Amino acid sequence: MAGIQSQKTERDGFLPIRTNGFDRGFISVVILILVHLLWMRFLESVLPLWVATVLCLALAGFIIRKG
């Protein structure tokens, strides 16, 4: 089928590399782990950990959609 082109799964977004859905999900999980570790070290006495989780989930949704 010469007229059908394969769909492009990688795309350009605001991330400085070309990524697919799995890459963006992996980057989101790594950021989630890093933020939680830093949060537990520096901010947990002031704000509970669920605040970090909510912020990271919002950030992950943004990265997966727009990244």
N, C-alpha and C. Protein backbone atom coordinates (compact mmCIF):
# COMPACT_ATOMS: atom_id res chain seq x y z
N MET A 1 0.83 -1.16 0.00
CA MET A 1 0.00 0.00 0.00
C MET A 1 0.89 1.24 0.00
N ALA A 2 1.09 1.76 -1.15
CA ALA A 2 2.02 2.87 -1.31
C ALA A 2 1.45 4.19 -0.79
N GLY A 3 0.13 4.33 -0.75
CA GLY A 3 -0.48 5.60 -0.35
C GLY A 3 -0.58 5.78 1.16
N ILE A 4 -0.41 4.71 1.95
CA ILE A 4 -0.56 4.79 3.39
C ILE A 4 0.81 5.02 4.02
N GLN A 5 0.91 6.04 4.83
CA GLN A 5 2.16 6.32 5.53
C GLN A 5 2.04 5.83 6.96
N SER A 6 3.16 5.39 7.51
CA SER A 6 3.13 4.94 8.90
C SER A 6 2.99 6.15 9.81
N GLN A 7 2.27 5.96 10.90
CA GLN A 7 2.06 7.07 11.83
C GLN A 7 3.33 7.31 12.63
N LYS A 8 3.58 8.55 12.91
CA LYS A 8 4.76 8.96 13.67
C LYS A 8 4.42 8.88 15.16
N THR A 9 5.12 8.01 15.90
CA THR A 9 4.84 7.87 17.32
C THR A 9 5.68 8.82 18.16
N GLU A 10 6.83 9.24 17.66
CA GLU A 10 7.64 10.20 18.38
C GLU A 10 7.22 11.61 17.98
N ARG A 11 7.39 12.55 18.89
CA ARG A 11 7.01 13.91 18.56
C ARG A 11 7.91 14.88 19.29
N ASP A 12 7.88 16.10 18.81
CA ASP A 12 8.63 17.18 19.44
C ASP A 12 7.69 17.93 20.38
N GLY A 13 8.16 18.20 21.56
CA GLY A 13 7.41 18.99 22.52
C GLY A 13 8.36 19.96 23.20
N PHE A 14 8.06 20.32 24.44
CA PHE A 14 8.93 21.26 25.14
C PHE A 14 10.16 20.58 25.73
N LEU A 15 10.14 19.24 25.81
CA LEU A 15 11.33 18.53 26.28
C LEU A 15 12.43 18.64 25.23
N PRO A 16 13.69 18.70 25.65
CA PRO A 16 14.77 18.91 24.68
C PRO A 16 15.14 17.67 23.86
N ILE A 17 14.37 16.60 23.99
CA ILE A 17 14.63 15.37 23.23
C ILE A 17 13.34 14.91 22.56
N ARG A 18 13.48 14.08 21.54
CA ARG A 18 12.30 13.48 20.91
C ARG A 18 11.85 12.32 21.78
N THR A 19 10.56 12.29 22.09
CA THR A 19 10.05 11.28 23.02
C THR A 19 8.78 10.64 22.48
N ASN A 20 8.50 9.44 22.99
CA ASN A 20 7.21 8.81 22.74
C ASN A 20 6.47 8.75 24.09
N GLY A 21 5.32 8.14 24.11
CA GLY A 21 4.52 8.11 25.33
C GLY A 21 5.21 7.43 26.50
N PHE A 22 5.92 6.34 26.22
CA PHE A 22 6.63 5.63 27.29
C PHE A 22 7.73 6.51 27.87
N ASP A 23 8.48 7.19 27.01
CA ASP A 23 9.56 8.06 27.49
C ASP A 23 9.02 9.16 28.40
N ARG A 24 7.94 9.78 27.99
CA ARG A 24 7.35 10.84 28.80
C ARG A 24 6.82 10.30 30.13
N GLY A 25 6.25 9.11 30.12
CA GLY A 25 5.79 8.49 31.36
C GLY A 25 6.95 8.16 32.28
N PHE A 26 8.04 7.65 31.72
CA PHE A 26 9.21 7.32 32.52
C PHE A 26 9.83 8.57 33.13
N ILE A 27 9.93 9.64 32.35
CA ILE A 27 10.45 10.90 32.87
C ILE A 27 9.57 11.40 34.00
N SER A 28 8.27 11.26 33.87
CA SER A 28 7.34 11.70 34.92
C SER A 28 7.54 10.91 36.20
N VAL A 29 7.76 9.60 36.10
CA VAL A 29 7.96 8.77 37.29
C VAL A 29 9.28 9.13 37.97
N VAL A 30 10.32 9.36 37.19
CA VAL A 30 11.61 9.74 37.77
C VAL A 30 11.48 11.07 38.51
N ILE A 31 10.79 12.03 37.91
CA ILE A 31 10.57 13.33 38.57
C ILE A 31 9.75 13.14 39.84
N LEU A 32 8.72 12.28 39.79
CA LEU A 32 7.90 12.02 40.97
C LEU A 32 8.75 11.49 42.12
N ILE A 33 9.64 10.55 41.84
CA ILE A 33 10.50 9.97 42.88
C ILE A 33 11.44 11.03 43.44
N LEU A 34 12.05 11.82 42.56
CA LEU A 34 12.97 12.85 43.01
C LEU A 34 12.27 13.90 43.88
N VAL A 35 11.11 14.35 43.44
CA VAL A 35 10.38 15.37 44.21
C VAL A 35 9.98 14.82 45.57
N HIS A 36 9.53 13.56 45.62
CA HIS A 36 9.13 12.99 46.90
C HIS A 36 10.31 12.85 47.86
N LEU A 37 11.45 12.43 47.35
CA LEU A 37 12.63 12.32 48.22
C LEU A 37 13.05 13.68 48.76
N LEU A 38 13.08 14.69 47.88
CA LEU A 38 13.45 16.03 48.33
C LEU A 38 12.39 16.60 49.28
N TRP A 39 11.13 16.31 49.00
CA TRP A 39 10.03 16.79 49.86
C TRP A 39 10.16 16.19 51.27
N MET A 40 10.43 14.88 51.33
CA MET A 40 10.56 14.24 52.64
C MET A 40 11.77 14.79 53.41
N ARG A 41 12.80 15.18 52.71
CA ARG A 41 13.99 15.70 53.37
C ARG A 41 13.79 17.13 53.88
N PHE A 42 13.15 17.99 53.06
CA PHE A 42 13.13 19.40 53.38
C PHE A 42 11.77 19.97 53.78
N LEU A 43 10.68 19.43 53.31
CA LEU A 43 9.38 20.08 53.50
C LEU A 43 8.34 19.28 54.28
N GLU A 44 8.61 18.03 54.59
CA GLU A 44 7.56 17.22 55.20
C GLU A 44 7.14 17.73 56.58
N SER A 45 8.01 18.41 57.28
CA SER A 45 7.63 18.96 58.58
C SER A 45 6.66 20.12 58.43
N VAL A 46 6.64 20.75 57.26
CA VAL A 46 5.77 21.90 57.03
C VAL A 46 4.49 21.50 56.29
N LEU A 47 4.64 20.72 55.21
CA LEU A 47 3.51 20.30 54.38
C LEU A 47 3.48 18.78 54.27
N PRO A 48 2.30 18.17 54.28
CA PRO A 48 2.23 16.71 54.18
C PRO A 48 2.64 16.21 52.79
N LEU A 49 2.99 14.94 52.73
CA LEU A 49 3.50 14.34 51.50
C LEU A 49 2.44 14.26 50.40
N TRP A 50 1.18 14.22 50.76
CA TRP A 50 0.13 14.13 49.72
C TRP A 50 0.11 15.38 48.85
N VAL A 51 0.58 16.51 49.37
CA VAL A 51 0.66 17.73 48.57
C VAL A 51 1.66 17.53 47.43
N ALA A 52 2.79 16.91 47.73
CA ALA A 52 3.78 16.60 46.70
C ALA A 52 3.22 15.64 45.67
N THR A 53 2.43 14.68 46.12
CA THR A 53 1.84 13.71 45.20
C THR A 53 0.88 14.40 44.23
N VAL A 54 0.05 15.28 44.74
CA VAL A 54 -0.90 16.00 43.88
C VAL A 54 -0.15 16.87 42.88
N LEU A 55 0.86 17.58 43.33
CA LEU A 55 1.65 18.41 42.42
C LEU A 55 2.35 17.58 41.36
N CYS A 56 2.90 16.44 41.75
CA CYS A 56 3.61 15.58 40.80
C CYS A 56 2.65 14.95 39.79
N LEU A 57 1.46 14.59 40.21
CA LEU A 57 0.50 14.01 39.28
C LEU A 57 0.04 15.05 38.26
N ALA A 58 -0.13 16.30 38.71
CA ALA A 58 -0.48 17.36 37.77
C ALA A 58 0.67 17.60 36.79
N LEU A 59 1.89 17.62 37.29
CA LEU A 59 3.06 17.79 36.43
C LEU A 59 3.21 16.62 35.46
N ALA A 60 2.96 15.41 35.93
CA ALA A 60 3.05 14.24 35.06
C ALA A 60 2.02 14.31 33.93
N GLY A 61 0.81 14.72 34.25
CA GLY A 61 -0.21 14.87 33.21
C GLY A 61 0.21 15.89 32.17
N PHE A 62 0.81 16.99 32.61
CA PHE A 62 1.28 18.01 31.67
C PHE A 62 2.43 17.49 30.81
N ILE A 63 3.37 16.78 31.43
CA ILE A 63 4.51 16.25 30.67
C ILE A 63 4.04 15.22 29.65
N ILE A 64 3.14 14.35 30.03
CA ILE A 64 2.69 13.31 29.10
C ILE A 64 1.90 13.91 27.94
N ARG A 65 1.11 14.95 28.20
CA ARG A 65 0.34 15.56 27.12
C ARG A 65 1.16 16.46 26.22
N LYS A 66 1.96 17.32 26.81
CA LYS A 66 2.64 18.37 26.05
C LYS A 66 4.12 18.10 25.81
N GLY A 67 4.71 17.16 26.54
CA GLY A 67 6.15 16.91 26.47
C GLY A 67 6.55 16.36 25.17
